[in-house]
Protein backbone atom coordinates (compact mmCIF):
# COMPACT_ATOMS: atom_id res chain seq x y z
CA UNK A 1 131.72 34.49 74.30
CA UNK A 2 131.89 31.10 75.56
CA UNK A 3 128.25 28.98 75.06
CA UNK A 4 127.79 26.65 77.66
CA UNK A 5 125.48 24.59 78.04
CA UNK A 6 124.18 22.39 81.06
CA UNK A 7 122.05 19.46 80.78
CA UNK A 8 119.69 17.81 83.24
CA UNK A 9 116.39 17.53 84.55
CA UNK A 10 116.59 20.48 87.17
CA UNK A 11 117.70 18.38 89.88
CA UNK A 12 119.11 20.59 92.88
CA UNK A 13 122.67 19.82 91.27
CA UNK A 14 121.78 20.51 88.10
CA UNK A 15 121.52 24.35 89.27
CA UNK A 16 124.27 23.87 91.44
CA UNK A 17 126.93 23.23 88.53
CA UNK A 18 124.05 25.91 86.77
CA UNK A 19 125.57 28.79 89.43
CA UNK A 20 129.03 27.35 89.66
CA UNK A 21 129.39 28.17 85.77
CA UNK A 22 128.24 31.82 86.22
CA UNK A 23 130.29 31.97 89.50
CA UNK A 24 133.58 30.52 87.64
CA UNK A 25 132.72 32.75 84.02
CA UNK A 26 132.57 36.64 86.33
CA UNK A 27 135.41 35.34 88.58
CA UNK A 28 137.71 34.80 85.36
CA UNK A 29 135.62 37.53 84.00
CA UNK A 30 134.69 35.61 80.64
CA UNK A 31 131.48 36.39 79.45
CA UNK A 32 129.59 33.29 78.59
CA UNK A 33 126.08 32.24 77.13
CA UNK A 34 124.35 29.38 79.84
CA UNK A 35 121.76 27.57 78.38
CA UNK A 36 119.49 24.68 80.48
CA UNK A 37 118.87 21.59 78.54
CA UNK A 38 116.70 19.97 80.38
CA UNK A 39 114.57 17.79 77.79
CA UNK A 40 115.44 13.62 78.27
CA UNK A 41 115.59 13.49 74.30
CA UNK A 42 118.68 16.24 73.98
CA UNK A 43 120.02 14.90 77.13
CA UNK A 44 120.96 11.93 75.29
CA UNK A 45 121.73 12.66 72.43
CA UNK A 46 124.28 15.15 73.44
CA UNK A 47 125.99 12.04 74.73
CA UNK A 48 125.35 12.81 78.78
CA UNK A 49 124.25 9.51 79.97
CA UNK A 50 124.64 10.71 84.19
CA UNK A 51 124.10 14.01 84.97
CA UNK A 52 124.27 17.43 85.60
CA UNK A 53 126.60 17.65 82.08
CA UNK A 54 128.23 20.28 80.82
CA UNK A 55 129.41 21.09 77.21
CA UNK A 56 131.24 24.83 76.62
CA UNK A 57 131.58 25.56 73.28
CA UNK A 58 130.18 22.49 71.35
CA UNK A 59 132.36 19.53 73.57
CA UNK A 60 130.77 17.64 76.39
CA UNK A 61 133.47 18.42 79.43
CA UNK A 62 131.51 16.99 82.51
CA UNK A 63 129.05 14.55 83.13
CA UNK A 64 128.03 12.91 86.36
CA UNK A 65 127.13 15.12 89.62
CA UNK A 66 129.47 18.19 91.12
CA UNK A 67 132.01 19.30 88.17
CA UNK A 68 135.67 20.70 90.21
CA UNK A 69 135.68 24.15 90.62
CA UNK A 70 139.30 24.09 89.37
CA UNK A 71 138.58 22.01 86.60
CA UNK A 72 135.93 24.14 85.31
CA UNK A 73 138.32 27.26 85.45
CA UNK A 74 139.76 25.48 83.06
CA UNK A 75 136.91 24.10 80.62
CA UNK A 76 136.55 28.01 81.34
CA UNK A 77 139.71 29.30 80.27
CA UNK A 78 140.59 26.87 77.42
């Protein structure tokens, strides 16, 4: 199972990003555990300077704006 963390204060883009992660995982048949990180200090400590951010298995793969769906599938497949 992949561990995916979505970093953000809980804004609409952050919620959409979380939904995109879940939809991409379902499409690919990959089991993921999605954790939302909303604490500003934790977000900064993860190196996310612009939200929403995404990390997959501890590696930050995206920060700022909605992710590209194709790239998101690639991150989950890797």
